[in-house]
């Protein structure tokens, strides 16, 4: 079983309980349709497990097949630098079928962020190092596709539907 090689840290984006008994790390790609499906499942898991679950999202853009995944990841990081990572994250997945640079600019404006500053950040590749760091951490952990989940540091190799993830989280939760 693959292990998470890069421990969760303050550099990560977390949602849910700050000190959850179970930590769910996802390596995802904003243009991946399976990640969009997983996003819905993760939101339901968060509601079900509440503060017992800490969810971490890390970028793993598969740029060869998803040309908008990296700019979307950098846009999420741009929003995150202004305290709105999760708002942008949710907006991107909610409108994945519209994913493009004009959509990302409009999403920034809708969140009250400067589209001009976002454009400059994308051109200057301000957030490329963070996205690349997440990607390298995924590679080190054996990620080769998305979505990839780790539950308390151990790769979840089963299906990522709600019931399978909930069962896996529940079994880890009882051992904690």
C-alpha atoms as a PDB file:
ATOM      1  CA  UNK A   1       0.000   0.000   0.000  1.00  0.00           C
ATOM      2  CA  UNK A   2       1.362   3.430  -0.988  1.00  0.00           C
ATOM      3  CA  UNK A   3       2.091   5.945   1.732  1.00  0.00           C
ATOM      4  CA  UNK A   4       1.765   9.722   1.748  1.00  0.00           C
ATOM      5  CA  UNK A   5       5.376  10.958   1.496  1.00  0.00           C
ATOM      6  CA  UNK A   6       4.699  14.630   2.202  1.00  0.00           C
ATOM      7  CA  UNK A   7       3.050  15.168   5.595  1.00  0.00           C
ATOM      8  CA  UNK A   8       0.162  17.595   5.928  1.00  0.00           C
ATOM      9  CA  UNK A   9       1.430  21.007   6.999  1.00  0.00           C
ATOM     10  CA  UNK A  10       0.349  24.620   7.384  1.00  0.00           C
ATOM     11  CA  UNK A  11       1.113  25.075   3.662  1.00  0.00           C
ATOM     12  CA  UNK A  12      -1.859  22.836   2.809  1.00  0.00           C
ATOM     13  CA  UNK A  13      -5.440  23.915   2.251  1.00  0.00           C
ATOM     14  CA  UNK A  14      -7.638  22.185   4.807  1.00  0.00           C
ATOM     15  CA  UNK A  15     -11.371  22.004   5.302  1.00  0.00           C
ATOM     16  CA  UNK A  16     -13.325  20.538   8.185  1.00  0.00           C
ATOM     17  CA  UNK A  17     -12.017  19.827  11.640  1.00  0.00           C
ATOM     18  CA  UNK A  18      -8.641  21.417  12.282  1.00  0.00           C
ATOM     19  CA  UNK A  19      -7.591  18.374  14.288  1.00  0.00           C
ATOM     20  CA  UNK A  20      -9.790  15.666  12.793  1.00  0.00           C
ATOM     21  CA  UNK A  21      -9.198  12.078  13.872  1.00  0.00           C
ATOM     22  CA  UNK A  22      -9.118  11.237  10.163  1.00  0.00           C
ATOM     23  CA  UNK A  23      -7.168  13.200   7.560  1.00  0.00           C
ATOM     24  CA  UNK A  24      -8.306  12.736   3.967  1.00  0.00           C
ATOM     25  CA  UNK A  25      -5.783  14.021   1.418  1.00  0.00           C
ATOM     26  CA  UNK A  26      -6.842  14.284  -2.201  1.00  0.00           C
ATOM     27  CA  UNK A  27      -4.563  14.867  -5.150  1.00  0.00           C
ATOM     28  CA  UNK A  28      -6.855  16.342  -7.774  1.00  0.00           C
ATOM     29  CA  UNK A  29      -7.048  18.001 -11.171  1.00  0.00           C
ATOM     30  CA  UNK A  30      -9.649  20.712 -11.757  1.00  0.00           C
ATOM     31  CA  UNK A  31     -10.349  19.561 -15.318  1.00  0.00           C
ATOM     32  CA  UNK A  32     -10.688  15.855 -14.466  1.00  0.00           C
ATOM     33  CA  UNK A  33     -14.346  14.758 -14.628  1.00  0.00           C
ATOM     34  CA  UNK A  34     -13.709  12.061 -12.012  1.00  0.00           C
ATOM     35  CA  UNK A  35     -12.365  14.713  -9.635  1.00  0.00           C
ATOM     36  CA  UNK A  36     -15.560  16.687 -10.107  1.00  0.00           C
ATOM     37  CA  UNK A  37     -17.552  13.597  -9.110  1.00  0.00           C
ATOM     38  CA  UNK A  38     -15.232  13.064  -6.147  1.00  0.00           C
ATOM     39  CA  UNK A  39     -15.710  16.706  -5.111  1.00  0.00           C
ATOM     40  CA  UNK A  40     -19.420  16.062  -4.533  1.00  0.00           C
ATOM     41  CA  UNK A  41     -18.602  12.956  -2.493  1.00  0.00           C
ATOM     42  CA  UNK A  42     -16.046  14.824  -0.378  1.00  0.00           C
ATOM     43  CA  UNK A  43     -18.561  17.568   0.418  1.00  0.00           C
ATOM     44  CA  UNK A  44     -21.015  14.906   1.623  1.00  0.00           C
ATOM     45  CA  UNK A  45     -18.288  13.225   3.683  1.00  0.00           C
ATOM     46  CA  UNK A  46     -17.505  16.556   5.325  1.00  0.00           C
ATOM     47  CA  UNK A  47     -21.141  16.972   6.340  1.00  0.00           C
ATOM     48  CA  UNK A  48     -21.352  13.408   7.627  1.00  0.00           C
ATOM     49  CA  UNK A  49     -18.116  13.282   9.640  1.00  0.00           C
ATOM     50  CA  UNK A  50     -17.999  16.937  10.708  1.00  0.00           C
ATOM     51  CA  UNK A  51     -14.979  17.885  12.810  1.00  0.00           C
ATOM     52  CA  UNK A  52     -13.753  14.277  12.887  1.00  0.00           C
ATOM     53  CA  UNK A  53     -12.588  14.734   9.282  1.00  0.00           C
ATOM     54  CA  UNK A  54      -9.846  17.039   8.074  1.00  0.00           C
ATOM     55  CA  UNK A  55      -9.848  17.300   4.277  1.00  0.00           C
ATOM     56  CA  UNK A  56      -6.748  18.424   2.374  1.00  0.00           C
ATOM     57  CA  UNK A  57      -6.678  19.235  -1.335  1.00  0.00           C
ATOM     58  CA  UNK A  58      -3.424  19.129  -3.277  1.00  0.00           C
ATOM     59  CA  UNK A  59      -2.951  19.949  -6.936  1.00  0.00           C
ATOM     60  CA  UNK A  60      -2.084  17.261  -9.456  1.00  0.00           C
ATOM     61  CA  UNK A  61      -2.817  18.845 -12.844  1.00  0.00           C
ATOM     62  CA  UNK A  62      -2.530  16.365 -15.699  1.00  0.00           C
ATOM     63  CA  UNK A  63      -1.510  19.053 -18.172  1.00  0.00           C
ATOM     64  CA  UNK A  64      -0.994  16.760 -21.149  1.00  0.00           C
ATOM     65  CA  UNK A  65      -4.700  15.899 -21.259  1.00  0.00           C
ATOM     66  CA  UNK A  66      -6.196  18.816 -19.295  1.00  0.00           C
ATOM     67  CA  UNK A  67      -4.798  22.127 -20.597  1.00  0.00           C
ATOM     68  CA  UNK A  68      -6.883  24.257 -18.198  1.00  0.00           C
ATOM     69  CA  UNK A  69      -5.985  22.288 -15.062  1.00  0.00           C
ATOM     70  CA  UNK A  70      -2.790  24.157 -14.227  1.00  0.00           C
ATOM     71  CA  UNK A  71      -4.183  27.681 -14.717  1.00  0.00           C
ATOM     72  CA  UNK A  72      -7.190  26.615 -12.638  1.00  0.00           C
ATOM     73  CA  UNK A  73      -4.867  25.361  -9.866  1.00  0.00           C
ATOM     74  CA  UNK A  74      -2.892  28.606  -9.980  1.00  0.00           C
ATOM     75  CA  UNK A  75      -6.158  30.563  -9.852  1.00  0.00           C
ATOM     76  CA  UNK A  76      -7.218  28.632  -6.753  1.00  0.00           C
ATOM     77  CA  UNK A  77      -3.857  29.463  -5.181  1.00  0.00           C
ATOM     78  CA  UNK A  78      -4.278  33.130  -6.156  1.00  0.00           C
ATOM     79  CA  UNK A  79      -7.656  33.129  -4.400  1.00  0.00           C
ATOM     80  CA  UNK A  80      -6.125  31.243  -1.469  1.00  0.00           C
ATOM     81  CA  UNK A  81      -3.516  33.954  -1.006  1.00  0.00           C
ATOM     82  CA  UNK A  82      -6.499  36.227  -0.343  1.00  0.00           C
ATOM     83  CA  UNK A  83      -8.311  33.829   1.965  1.00  0.00           C
ATOM     84  CA  UNK A  84     -10.697  32.452  -0.651  1.00  0.00           C
ATOM     85  CA  UNK A  85      -9.183  29.149  -1.746  1.00  0.00           C
ATOM     86  CA  UNK A  86     -12.255  27.064  -0.962  1.00  0.00           C
ATOM     87  CA  UNK A  87     -14.635  29.535  -2.601  1.00  0.00           C
ATOM     88  CA  UNK A  88     -12.626  29.365  -5.821  1.00  0.00           C
ATOM     89  CA  UNK A  89     -12.130  25.593  -5.510  1.00  0.00           C
ATOM     90  CA  UNK A  90     -15.885  25.056  -5.266  1.00  0.00           C
ATOM     91  CA  UNK A  91     -16.620  27.518  -8.090  1.00  0.00           C
ATOM     92  CA  UNK A  92     -14.189  25.788 -10.443  1.00  0.00           C
ATOM     93  CA  UNK A  93     -15.714  22.368  -9.830  1.00  0.00           C
ATOM     94  CA  UNK A  94     -19.257  23.744 -10.039  1.00  0.00           C
ATOM     95  CA  UNK A  95     -18.505  25.147 -13.502  1.00  0.00           C
ATOM     96  CA  UNK A  96     -15.937  22.643 -14.724  1.00  0.00           C
ATOM     97  CA  UNK A  97     -17.695  22.385 -18.084  1.00  0.00           C
ATOM     98  CA  UNK A  98     -16.939  26.099 -18.646  1.00  0.00           C
ATOM     99  CA  UNK A  99     -13.295  25.930 -17.583  1.00  0.00           C
ATOM    100  CA  UNK A 100     -11.270  28.476 -19.550  1.00  0.00           C
ATOM    101  CA  UNK A 101      -9.178  31.557 -18.859  1.00  0.00           C
ATOM    102  CA  UNK A 102     -12.185  33.891 -19.360  1.00  0.00           C
ATOM    103  CA  UNK A 103     -14.168  31.812 -16.846  1.00  0.00           C
ATOM    104  CA  UNK A 104     -11.319  31.977 -14.306  1.00  0.00           C
ATOM    105  CA  UNK A 105     -11.173  35.778 -14.672  1.00  0.00           C
ATOM    106  CA  UNK A 106     -14.931  36.015 -14.190  1.00  0.00           C
ATOM    107  CA  UNK A 107     -14.812  33.685 -11.189  1.00  0.00           C
ATOM    108  CA  UNK A 108     -12.176  35.932  -9.615  1.00  0.00           C
ATOM    109  CA  UNK A 109     -14.358  39.004 -10.198  1.00  0.00           C
ATOM    110  CA  UNK A 110     -17.392  37.180  -8.748  1.00  0.00           C
ATOM    111  CA  UNK A 111     -15.392  36.613  -5.554  1.00  0.00           C
ATOM    112  CA  UNK A 112     -14.408  40.274  -5.403  1.00  0.00           C
ATOM    113  CA  UNK A 113     -10.848  39.564  -6.534  1.00  0.00           C
ATOM    114  CA  UNK A 114      -8.969  41.530  -9.149  1.00  0.00           C
ATOM    115  CA  UNK A 115      -9.058  39.839 -12.551  1.00  0.00           C
ATOM    116  CA  UNK A 116      -6.145  42.059 -13.611  1.00  0.00           C
ATOM    117  CA  UNK A 117      -4.067  40.839 -10.640  1.00  0.00           C
ATOM    118  CA  UNK A 118      -5.014  37.243 -11.454  1.00  0.00           C
ATOM    119  CA  UNK A 119      -3.948  37.714 -15.061  1.00  0.00           C
ATOM    120  CA  UNK A 120      -0.604  39.145 -13.923  1.00  0.00           C
ATOM    121  CA  UNK A 121      -0.117  36.256 -11.474  1.00  0.00           C
ATOM    122  CA  UNK A 122      -0.776  33.732 -14.241  1.00  0.00           C
ATOM    123  CA  UNK A 123       1.579  35.462 -16.698  1.00  0.00           C
ATOM    124  CA  UNK A 124       4.311  35.812 -14.067  1.00  0.00           C
ATOM    125  CA  UNK A 125       3.660  32.242 -12.845  1.00  0.00           C
ATOM    126  CA  UNK A 126       3.544  33.435  -9.237  1.00  0.00           C
ATOM    127  CA  UNK A 127       1.750  30.317  -8.002  1.00  0.00           C
ATOM    128  CA  UNK A 128       3.388  27.782 -10.317  1.00  0.00           C
ATOM    129  CA  UNK A 129       5.909  26.715  -7.626  1.00  0.00           C
ATOM    130  CA  UNK A 130       3.134  25.782  -5.159  1.00  0.00           C
ATOM    131  CA  UNK A 131       1.270  23.753  -7.775  1.00  0.00           C
ATOM    132  CA  UNK A 132       4.522  22.062  -8.845  1.00  0.00           C
ATOM    133  CA  UNK A 133       5.380  21.298  -5.209  1.00  0.00           C
ATOM    134  CA  UNK A 134       2.013  19.578  -4.735  1.00  0.00           C
ATOM    135  CA  UNK A 135       2.510  17.641  -7.966  1.00  0.00           C
ATOM    136  CA  UNK A 136       6.002  16.465  -6.982  1.00  0.00           C
ATOM    137  CA  UNK A 137       4.677  15.378  -3.579  1.00  0.00           C
ATOM    138  CA  UNK A 138       2.019  13.356  -5.346  1.00  0.00           C
ATOM    139  CA  UNK A 139       4.578  11.673  -7.579  1.00  0.00           C
ATOM    140  CA  UNK A 140       6.708  10.862  -4.519  1.00  0.00           C
ATOM    141  CA  UNK A 141       3.612   9.309  -2.926  1.00  0.00           C
ATOM    142  CA  UNK A 142       2.886   7.122  -5.953  1.00  0.00           C
ATOM    143  CA  UNK A 143       0.077   9.178  -7.477  1.00  0.00           C
ATOM    144  CA  UNK A 144      -0.258   8.545 -11.191  1.00  0.00           C
ATOM    145  CA  UNK A 145      -3.845   9.626 -11.814  1.00  0.00           C
ATOM    146  CA  UNK A 146      -6.663  11.619 -10.307  1.00  0.00           C
ATOM    147  CA  UNK A 147      -8.424  11.654  -7.999  1.00  0.00           C
ATOM    148  CA  UNK A 148      -6.022   9.959  -5.603  1.00  0.00           C
ATOM    149  CA  UNK A 149      -6.922   9.726  -1.923  1.00  0.00           C
ATOM    150  CA  UNK A 150      -4.885   9.049   1.199  1.00  0.00           C
ATOM    151  CA  UNK A 151      -6.599   8.336   4.508  1.00  0.00           C
ATOM    152  CA  UNK A 152      -4.369   8.997   7.522  1.00  0.00           C
ATOM    153  CA  UNK A 153      -1.349   8.671   5.271  1.00  0.00           C
ATOM    154  CA  UNK A 154      -2.332   5.417   3.539  1.00  0.00           C
ATOM    155  CA  UNK A 155      -3.438   5.324  -0.089  1.00  0.00           C
ATOM    156  CA  UNK A 156      -7.100   4.469  -0.589  1.00  0.00           C
ATOM    157  CA  UNK A 157      -7.064   2.167  -3.593  1.00  0.00           C
ATOM    158  CA  UNK A 158     -10.785   1.430  -3.599  1.00  0.00           C
ATOM    159  CA  UNK A 159     -13.552   3.256  -5.415  1.00  0.00           C
ATOM    160  CA  UNK A 160     -14.053   6.910  -4.506  1.00  0.00           C
ATOM    161  CA  UNK A 161     -17.831   6.874  -4.298  1.00  0.00           C
ATOM    162  CA  UNK A 162     -19.403   8.090  -1.063  1.00  0.00           C
ATOM    163  CA  UNK A 163     -20.034   4.688   0.506  1.00  0.00           C
ATOM    164  CA  UNK A 164     -16.557   3.268  -0.129  1.00  0.00           C
ATOM    165  CA  UNK A 165     -14.816   6.407   1.132  1.00  0.00           C
ATOM    166  CA  UNK A 166     -17.163   6.656   4.139  1.00  0.00           C
ATOM    167  CA  UNK A 167     -16.524   3.011   5.045  1.00  0.00           C
ATOM    168  CA  UNK A 168     -12.760   3.481   4.752  1.00  0.00           C
ATOM    169  CA  UNK A 169     -12.872   6.648   6.867  1.00  0.00           C
ATOM    170  CA  UNK A 170     -15.105   4.977   9.438  1.00  0.00           C
ATOM    171  CA  UNK A 171     -12.757   2.012   9.818  1.00  0.00           C
ATOM    172  CA  UNK A 172      -9.793   4.346  10.358  1.00  0.00           C
ATOM    173  CA  UNK A 173     -11.847   6.506  12.717  1.00  0.00           C
ATOM    174  CA  UNK A 174     -12.526   3.538  15.005  1.00  0.00           C
ATOM    175  CA  UNK A 175      -8.808   2.683  15.145  1.00  0.00           C
ATOM    176  CA  UNK A 176      -7.828   6.242  16.083  1.00  0.00           C
END
